[in-house]
Amino acid sequence: MSEPGGAGTGEGSTQRLPVVERGTEPDAGPSLEKHGPDLPDASDGGRAGRFWSARRIPAGLVALLLLLLAGAFLYDVVAVRAGRSALGWRRDLARQLAERPVDDTWVLVGAGVAAALGLWLLLLALTPGLRRVLPMRRTHPDVRAGLHRDAAATVLRDRAMEVAGVQSARVRLRRRRARVRALSHFRELDDVRTDLDGVLDDAVRGLGLARPPAVSLRVARPGRKG
């Protein structure tokens, strides 16, 4: 089917659309392959802080305990208002609190338990938690990413196993340090250690962590069997 020579405007006519080559227009905007002004650099992504845990289990336990205590006191208050006598445990509690001195052993024990529980809840409220999630570098202020420590340790172990002469490797990763223990069954240990240093340094940088851990490397020969 051939196109009509003119650029018709009626029904059934075909109009040739202009073709714009990349880079031919002087006022063309930046291409998608380059970073435009609205795409911030990696250094402008903001501070990559640790992830905060939701603390569902402690919050659920505290909420359940408060619910039971409030329900028990509410039931007793309604019963007293209805003309019944107060429950025995509340009368005993009021009498014990009125008669026991402050330096009594059980009073001190109860105060210590309450203080310890309060400090534990305060510690949970002030600490981030989620220690197994390592924050990654932020390339955008609205996006946060984290890497599980077990996954990062697996990556480091796999990279260590690629080095010639390494028979087995074990990695223990913490927030500040990665301890790598490798067994080499051939090649000189110094050569294997040099190769592992370079490979592990590249692997740690490739993880994209906000705070790359320091690598502690130890290379040894496998023990003899029997």
Protein backbone atom coordinates (compact mmCIF):
# COMPACT_ATOMS: atom_id res chain seq x y z
CA MET A 1 0.00 0.00 0.00
CA SER A 2 1.52 3.30 -1.09
CA GLU A 3 1.18 6.60 0.72
CA PRO A 4 -0.37 9.55 -1.01
CA GLY A 5 2.04 12.18 -2.08
CA GLY A 6 0.40 14.99 -0.21
CA ALA A 7 -0.31 15.29 3.51
CA GLY A 8 -4.07 14.96 3.31
CA THR A 9 -6.31 15.91 6.12
CA GLY A 10 -9.53 14.14 5.16
CA GLU A 11 -10.76 10.72 6.13
CA GLY A 12 -8.78 7.81 4.76
CA SER A 13 -5.70 9.94 4.14
CA THR A 14 -2.32 9.03 5.61
CA GLN A 15 0.03 11.61 7.07
CA ARG A 16 3.73 10.96 7.46
CA LEU A 17 4.85 11.55 11.04
CA PRO A 18 8.12 13.36 11.66
CA VAL A 19 11.02 11.24 12.85
CA VAL A 20 13.25 12.77 15.52
CA GLU A 21 16.73 11.31 15.83
CA ARG A 22 18.37 11.31 19.24
CA GLY A 23 20.67 14.25 19.65
CA THR A 24 19.62 16.02 16.40
CA GLU A 25 17.35 18.57 18.06
CA PRO A 26 19.32 21.41 19.67
CA ASP A 27 16.75 21.91 22.43
CA ALA A 28 16.11 18.22 23.11
CA GLY A 29 15.93 17.27 26.77
CA PRO A 30 18.35 14.87 28.43
CA SER A 31 18.00 11.20 27.56
CA LEU A 32 16.90 8.61 30.06
CA GLU A 33 20.35 7.02 30.10
CA LYS A 34 21.84 10.05 31.79
CA HIS A 35 21.12 11.48 35.19
CA GLY A 36 18.83 14.45 34.85
CA PRO A 37 18.64 17.31 37.33
CA ASP A 38 15.75 15.63 39.16
CA LEU A 39 17.75 12.42 39.77
CA PRO A 40 19.94 13.06 42.82
CA ASP A 41 23.41 11.73 43.06
CA ALA A 42 24.24 8.87 45.45
CA SER A 43 25.84 11.34 47.81
CA ASP A 44 22.58 13.32 48.06
CA GLY A 45 20.45 10.37 49.15
CA GLY A 46 20.61 11.28 52.81
CA ARG A 47 21.85 9.49 55.87
CA ALA A 48 21.29 5.73 55.87
CA GLY A 49 20.25 4.97 59.44
CA ARG A 50 19.41 1.60 60.89
CA PHE A 51 15.97 0.08 60.52
CA TRP A 52 13.66 0.29 63.54
CA SER A 53 11.83 -2.79 64.67
CA ALA A 54 8.08 -2.74 65.19
CA ARG A 55 8.49 -4.54 68.56
CA ARG A 56 5.25 -6.43 68.05
CA ILE A 57 5.87 -9.11 70.68
CA PRO A 58 6.78 -6.78 73.61
CA ALA A 59 4.02 -4.35 72.65
CA GLY A 60 1.50 -7.18 72.41
CA LEU A 61 2.51 -8.60 75.81
CA VAL A 62 2.30 -5.22 77.51
CA ALA A 63 -1.05 -4.48 75.88
CA LEU A 64 -2.43 -7.88 76.93
CA LEU A 65 -1.23 -7.43 80.52
CA LEU A 66 -2.73 -3.95 80.76
CA LEU A 67 -5.97 -5.23 79.26
CA LEU A 68 -6.25 -8.00 81.85
CA LEU A 69 -5.48 -5.66 84.75
CA ALA A 70 -7.88 -3.00 83.52
CA GLY A 71 -10.58 -5.62 82.94
CA ALA A 72 -10.17 -7.06 86.44
CA PHE A 73 -10.33 -3.63 88.11
CA LEU A 74 -13.29 -2.57 85.97
CA TYR A 75 -15.20 -5.74 86.86
CA ASP A 76 -14.54 -5.20 90.56
CA VAL A 77 -15.60 -1.54 90.41
CA VAL A 78 -18.84 -2.44 88.60
CA ALA A 79 -19.53 -5.19 91.13
CA VAL A 80 -19.07 -2.77 94.04
CA ARG A 81 -21.34 -0.22 92.35
CA ALA A 82 -23.96 -2.95 91.93
CA GLY A 83 -24.04 -3.57 95.68
CA ARG A 84 -21.68 -6.52 95.93
CA SER A 85 -18.60 -6.63 98.10
CA ALA A 86 -15.17 -6.06 96.61
CA LEU A 87 -13.11 -9.04 95.52
CA GLY A 88 -10.84 -10.58 98.10
CA TRP A 89 -7.62 -10.01 96.19
CA ARG A 90 -8.28 -6.25 95.97
CA ARG A 91 -9.03 -6.00 99.70
CA ASP A 92 -5.89 -8.00 100.49
CA LEU A 93 -3.83 -5.83 98.17
CA ALA A 94 -5.10 -2.63 99.77
CA ARG A 95 -4.41 -3.99 103.26
CA GLN A 96 -0.90 -5.16 102.32
CA LEU A 97 -0.05 -1.80 100.80
CA ALA A 98 -1.33 -0.02 103.92
CA GLU A 99 0.41 -2.26 106.47
CA ARG A 100 3.76 -3.18 104.91
CA PRO A 101 6.63 -0.70 105.38
CA VAL A 102 8.64 0.59 102.48
CA ASP A 103 11.76 -1.40 103.44
CA ASP A 104 9.91 -4.72 103.46
CA THR A 105 11.55 -7.50 101.45
CA TRP A 106 8.57 -8.19 99.19
CA VAL A 107 8.08 -4.48 98.56
CA LEU A 108 11.72 -4.14 97.51
CA VAL A 109 11.50 -7.24 95.31
CA GLY A 110 8.36 -5.94 93.62
CA ALA A 111 9.94 -2.52 93.11
CA GLY A 112 13.04 -4.13 91.62
CA VAL A 113 11.01 -6.24 89.21
CA ALA A 114 8.97 -3.23 88.15
CA ALA A 115 12.12 -1.14 87.66
CA ALA A 116 13.79 -3.90 85.61
CA LEU A 117 10.68 -4.26 83.46
CA GLY A 118 10.55 -0.51 82.95
CA LEU A 119 14.22 -0.35 81.95
CA TRP A 120 13.71 -3.22 79.51
CA LEU A 121 10.77 -1.47 77.87
CA LEU A 122 12.73 1.81 77.77
CA LEU A 123 15.67 0.03 76.14
CA LEU A 124 13.36 -1.48 73.53
CA ALA A 125 11.89 1.93 72.83
CA LEU A 126 15.25 3.70 72.40
CA THR A 127 17.14 1.07 70.36
CA PRO A 128 16.47 0.45 66.65
CA GLY A 129 16.44 -3.34 66.73
CA LEU A 130 16.56 -5.42 63.53
CA ARG A 131 20.27 -6.04 64.02
CA ARG A 132 20.30 -8.58 61.22
CA VAL A 133 19.35 -5.99 58.59
CA LEU A 134 22.29 -3.90 57.35
CA PRO A 135 21.35 -0.51 55.86
CA MET A 136 22.49 0.10 52.29
CA ARG A 137 23.64 3.33 50.69
CA ARG A 138 20.79 5.66 49.82
CA THR A 139 20.70 6.80 46.21
CA HIS A 140 17.34 8.55 46.59
CA PRO A 141 15.99 10.38 49.65
CA ASP A 142 12.63 8.58 49.46
CA VAL A 143 13.99 5.04 49.07
CA ARG A 144 15.61 2.93 51.77
CA ALA A 145 17.06 -0.54 51.32
CA GLY A 146 18.57 -3.10 53.64
CA LEU A 147 20.48 -6.34 53.25
CA HIS A 148 20.12 -9.29 55.60
CA ARG A 149 23.37 -10.29 57.26
CA ASP A 150 22.98 -13.95 56.29
CA ALA A 151 22.56 -12.99 52.63
CA ALA A 152 25.62 -10.73 52.75
CA ALA A 153 27.66 -13.48 54.42
CA THR A 154 26.57 -15.93 51.72
CA VAL A 155 27.75 -13.53 49.02
CA LEU A 156 31.15 -13.14 50.68
CA ARG A 157 31.50 -16.90 51.13
CA ASP A 158 30.61 -17.59 47.48
CA ARG A 159 33.13 -15.03 46.31
CA ALA A 160 35.80 -16.54 48.55
CA MET A 161 35.10 -20.00 47.15
CA GLU A 162 35.88 -18.69 43.64
CA VAL A 163 39.54 -18.15 44.56
CA ALA A 164 41.83 -20.92 43.38
CA GLY A 165 43.10 -23.04 46.24
CA VAL A 166 40.20 -22.40 48.62
CA GLN A 167 38.62 -25.66 49.77
CA SER A 168 36.05 -24.22 52.17
CA ALA A 169 35.17 -20.85 53.66
CA ARG A 170 33.16 -19.68 56.63
CA VAL A 171 31.95 -16.11 57.13
CA ARG A 172 30.58 -14.51 60.27
CA LEU A 173 29.26 -11.06 59.51
CA ARG A 174 28.54 -8.38 62.08
CA ARG A 175 27.66 -4.74 61.63
CA ARG A 176 31.26 -3.60 62.01
CA ARG A 177 33.36 -6.61 61.03
CA ALA A 178 33.30 -9.64 58.76
CA ARG A 179 35.34 -12.60 59.98
CA VAL A 180 36.35 -14.92 57.15
CA ARG A 181 38.00 -18.28 57.80
CA ALA A 182 39.21 -20.14 54.71
CA LEU A 183 40.91 -23.53 54.26
CA SER A 184 43.34 -23.92 51.37
CA HIS A 185 44.40 -27.37 50.19
CA PHE A 186 46.89 -26.23 47.54
CA ARG A 187 48.89 -23.12 46.57
CA GLU A 188 50.92 -21.06 48.99
CA LEU A 189 48.93 -19.57 51.83
CA ASP A 190 50.33 -16.10 51.20
CA ASP A 191 49.18 -16.19 47.57
CA VAL A 192 45.72 -17.40 48.57
CA ARG A 193 45.49 -14.72 51.25
CA THR A 194 46.48 -11.99 48.78
CA ASP A 195 43.86 -13.12 46.27
CA LEU A 196 41.23 -13.37 49.00
CA ASP A 197 42.00 -9.84 50.22
CA GLY A 198 41.34 -8.39 46.78
CA VAL A 199 38.25 -10.49 46.10
CA LEU A 200 36.67 -9.82 49.48
CA ASP A 201 37.36 -6.09 49.31
CA ASP A 202 35.61 -5.95 45.94
CA ALA A 203 32.75 -8.07 47.28
CA VAL A 204 32.25 -5.82 50.31
CA ARG A 205 32.15 -2.74 48.11
CA GLY A 206 29.74 -4.49 45.77
CA LEU A 207 27.27 -5.08 48.60
CA GLY A 208 26.45 -1.38 48.61
CA LEU A 209 26.30 -1.08 52.39
CA ALA A 210 26.21 2.32 54.03
CA ARG A 211 28.93 1.22 56.48
CA PRO A 212 31.08 -1.47 54.86
CA PRO A 213 32.41 -3.87 57.50
CA ALA A 214 36.13 -4.40 57.99
CA VAL A 215 37.29 -7.82 56.80
CA SER A 216 39.26 -10.03 59.17
CA LEU A 217 40.80 -12.87 57.14
CA ARG A 218 42.44 -16.09 58.29
CA VAL A 219 43.75 -18.75 55.90
CA ALA A 220 44.93 -22.16 57.10
CA ARG A 221 45.49 -25.70 55.91
CA PRO A 222 42.78 -28.32 56.48
CA GLY A 223 43.45 -30.69 59.35
CA ARG A 224 44.51 -34.24 58.72
CA LYS A 225 41.86 -36.92 58.91
CA GLY A 226 42.28 -39.75 61.39
